[in-house]
Amino acid sequence: FVSQDSPLHPPSTNTTYIRDFSEPITAILTSHFILDLHEMNYRMAHQESLSGIQVIGSLDT
């Protein structure tokens, strides 16, 4: 256990601000990354189905 006024935790530093904001910022960035992955996965799946239709359509003409 480390006391709050030890050399590792000197008083009147702004480390609490960093600690308070790092978790929410990390959660936001992770959420956006996962949403981007889902969007890219959807686009890739949708693009493959469209390109298959275009190839079949070009064989008929």
N, C-alpha and C. Protein backbone atom coordinates (compact mmCIF):
# COMPACT_ATOMS: atom_id res chain seq x y z
N PHE A 1 0.85 -1.19 0.00
CA PHE A 1 0.00 0.00 0.00
C PHE A 1 0.88 1.24 0.00
N VAL A 2 0.60 2.18 -0.88
CA VAL A 2 1.40 3.40 -1.01
C VAL A 2 0.57 4.57 -0.52
N SER A 3 1.15 5.34 0.35
CA SER A 3 0.46 6.52 0.88
C SER A 3 0.27 7.54 -0.23
N GLN A 4 -0.77 8.34 -0.13
CA GLN A 4 -1.06 9.34 -1.15
C GLN A 4 -0.02 10.46 -1.20
N ASP A 5 0.72 10.69 -0.11
CA ASP A 5 1.72 11.75 -0.08
C ASP A 5 3.14 11.21 -0.18
N SER A 6 3.33 10.08 -0.82
CA SER A 6 4.66 9.50 -0.97
C SER A 6 5.33 10.08 -2.22
N PRO A 7 6.61 9.81 -2.44
CA PRO A 7 7.27 10.28 -3.66
C PRO A 7 6.64 9.73 -4.94
N LEU A 8 6.01 8.57 -4.84
CA LEU A 8 5.34 8.03 -6.02
C LEU A 8 4.04 8.75 -6.33
N HIS A 9 3.45 9.35 -5.32
CA HIS A 9 2.21 10.11 -5.48
C HIS A 9 2.35 11.45 -4.79
N PRO A 10 3.13 12.37 -5.35
CA PRO A 10 3.28 13.67 -4.67
C PRO A 10 1.97 14.44 -4.68
N PRO A 11 1.76 15.24 -3.65
CA PRO A 11 0.52 16.02 -3.60
C PRO A 11 0.51 17.09 -4.69
N SER A 12 -0.66 17.53 -5.03
CA SER A 12 -0.92 18.60 -6.00
C SER A 12 -0.36 18.31 -7.39
N THR A 13 -0.54 17.09 -7.86
CA THR A 13 -0.20 16.79 -9.25
C THR A 13 -1.49 16.57 -10.02
N ASN A 14 -1.39 16.60 -11.32
CA ASN A 14 -2.57 16.45 -12.17
C ASN A 14 -2.78 15.02 -12.64
N THR A 15 -2.17 14.07 -11.97
CA THR A 15 -2.32 12.68 -12.40
C THR A 15 -3.75 12.20 -12.25
N THR A 16 -4.50 12.75 -11.32
CA THR A 16 -5.89 12.32 -11.18
C THR A 16 -6.71 12.72 -12.39
N TYR A 17 -6.41 13.85 -13.01
CA TYR A 17 -7.13 14.25 -14.22
C TYR A 17 -6.87 13.26 -15.35
N ILE A 18 -5.63 12.87 -15.49
CA ILE A 18 -5.29 11.90 -16.53
C ILE A 18 -5.97 10.57 -16.25
N ARG A 19 -5.92 10.14 -15.01
CA ARG A 19 -6.54 8.87 -14.64
C ARG A 19 -8.06 8.93 -14.82
N ASP A 20 -8.67 10.07 -14.49
CA ASP A 20 -10.12 10.20 -14.60
C ASP A 20 -10.58 10.18 -16.06
N PHE A 21 -9.78 10.70 -16.97
CA PHE A 21 -10.19 10.79 -18.36
C PHE A 21 -9.68 9.65 -19.23
N SER A 22 -8.67 8.93 -18.78
CA SER A 22 -8.10 7.89 -19.64
C SER A 22 -9.07 6.73 -19.87
N GLU A 23 -9.81 6.34 -18.86
CA GLU A 23 -10.74 5.22 -19.04
C GLU A 23 -11.89 5.57 -19.98
N PRO A 24 -12.57 6.72 -19.81
CA PRO A 24 -13.64 7.04 -20.76
C PRO A 24 -13.13 7.24 -22.19
N ILE A 25 -11.97 7.86 -22.34
CA ILE A 25 -11.43 8.07 -23.69
C ILE A 25 -11.08 6.73 -24.32
N THR A 26 -10.51 5.83 -23.55
CA THR A 26 -10.19 4.50 -24.07
C THR A 26 -11.46 3.77 -24.49
N ALA A 27 -12.51 3.88 -23.70
CA ALA A 27 -13.78 3.23 -24.04
C ALA A 27 -14.37 3.81 -25.32
N ILE A 28 -14.31 5.12 -25.48
CA ILE A 28 -14.84 5.76 -26.69
C ILE A 28 -14.05 5.34 -27.91
N LEU A 29 -12.72 5.37 -27.82
CA LEU A 29 -11.89 4.98 -28.96
C LEU A 29 -12.09 3.51 -29.33
N THR A 30 -12.22 2.66 -28.33
CA THR A 30 -12.45 1.24 -28.59
C THR A 30 -13.80 1.03 -29.25
N SER A 31 -14.82 1.73 -28.77
CA SER A 31 -16.16 1.61 -29.36
C SER A 31 -16.17 2.06 -30.81
N HIS A 32 -15.52 3.17 -31.11
CA HIS A 32 -15.46 3.66 -32.49
C HIS A 32 -14.69 2.68 -33.38
N PHE A 33 -13.63 2.10 -32.85
CA PHE A 33 -12.87 1.12 -33.62
C PHE A 33 -13.73 -0.09 -33.96
N ILE A 34 -14.48 -0.59 -32.97
CA ILE A 34 -15.35 -1.75 -33.21
C ILE A 34 -16.45 -1.40 -34.20
N LEU A 35 -17.03 -0.21 -34.08
CA LEU A 35 -18.06 0.21 -35.04
C LEU A 35 -17.48 0.31 -36.45
N ASP A 36 -16.27 0.83 -36.58
CA ASP A 36 -15.62 0.90 -37.89
C ASP A 36 -15.37 -0.50 -38.46
N LEU A 37 -14.98 -1.44 -37.61
CA LEU A 37 -14.79 -2.81 -38.08
C LEU A 37 -16.10 -3.42 -38.57
N HIS A 38 -17.18 -3.19 -37.84
CA HIS A 38 -18.48 -3.70 -38.26
C HIS A 38 -18.91 -3.08 -39.59
N GLU A 39 -18.69 -1.78 -39.73
CA GLU A 39 -19.07 -1.11 -40.97
C GLU A 39 -18.26 -1.64 -42.15
N MET A 40 -16.97 -1.84 -41.95
CA MET A 40 -16.13 -2.36 -43.02
C MET A 40 -16.53 -3.79 -43.37
N ASN A 41 -16.85 -4.59 -42.37
CA ASN A 41 -17.30 -5.96 -42.62
C ASN A 41 -18.59 -5.96 -43.43
N TYR A 42 -19.52 -5.07 -43.09
CA TYR A 42 -20.77 -4.97 -43.82
C TYR A 42 -20.52 -4.55 -45.26
N ARG A 43 -19.66 -3.55 -45.45
CA ARG A 43 -19.37 -3.08 -46.81
C ARG A 43 -18.69 -4.16 -47.64
N MET A 44 -17.78 -4.90 -47.03
CA MET A 44 -17.09 -5.97 -47.77
C MET A 44 -18.09 -7.05 -48.18
N ALA A 45 -18.98 -7.44 -47.29
CA ALA A 45 -19.97 -8.46 -47.60
C ALA A 45 -20.93 -7.96 -48.67
N HIS A 46 -21.33 -6.72 -48.58
CA HIS A 46 -22.26 -6.14 -49.55
C HIS A 46 -21.58 -5.98 -50.91
N GLN A 47 -20.32 -5.60 -50.91
CA GLN A 47 -19.58 -5.41 -52.16
C GLN A 47 -19.39 -6.74 -52.89
N GLU A 48 -19.11 -7.81 -52.17
CA GLU A 48 -18.93 -9.12 -52.80
C GLU A 48 -20.21 -9.59 -53.46
N SER A 49 -21.36 -9.37 -52.83
CA SER A 49 -22.61 -9.81 -53.42
C SER A 49 -22.94 -8.99 -54.66
N LEU A 50 -22.63 -7.70 -54.66
CA LEU A 50 -22.88 -6.87 -55.83
C LEU A 50 -21.95 -7.24 -56.98
N SER A 51 -20.69 -7.52 -56.70
CA SER A 51 -19.77 -7.87 -57.78
C SER A 51 -20.15 -9.21 -58.40
N GLY A 52 -20.70 -10.13 -57.62
CA GLY A 52 -21.17 -11.40 -58.17
C GLY A 52 -22.34 -11.19 -59.11
N ILE A 53 -23.23 -10.28 -58.77
CA ILE A 53 -24.38 -9.96 -59.63
C ILE A 53 -23.89 -9.30 -60.91
N GLN A 54 -22.92 -8.42 -60.82
CA GLN A 54 -22.41 -7.73 -62.00
C GLN A 54 -21.75 -8.72 -62.95
N VAL A 55 -21.03 -9.69 -62.45
CA VAL A 55 -20.37 -10.68 -63.30
C VAL A 55 -21.41 -11.53 -64.01
N ILE A 56 -22.44 -11.97 -63.30
CA ILE A 56 -23.49 -12.78 -63.91
C ILE A 56 -24.23 -11.95 -64.96
N GLY A 57 -24.50 -10.69 -64.65
CA GLY A 57 -25.19 -9.83 -65.61
C GLY A 57 -24.37 -9.59 -66.86
N SER A 58 -23.06 -9.50 -66.74
CA SER A 58 -22.23 -9.25 -67.92
C SER A 58 -22.14 -10.48 -68.81
N LEU A 59 -22.34 -11.68 -68.26
CA LEU A 59 -22.32 -12.89 -69.08
C LEU A 59 -23.56 -12.99 -69.96
N ASP A 60 -24.68 -12.42 -69.51
CA ASP A 60 -25.92 -12.49 -70.27
C ASP A 60 -25.90 -11.58 -71.49
N THR A 61 -25.11 -10.53 -71.48
CA THR A 61 -25.14 -9.56 -72.60
C THR A 61 -24.13 -9.87 -73.66
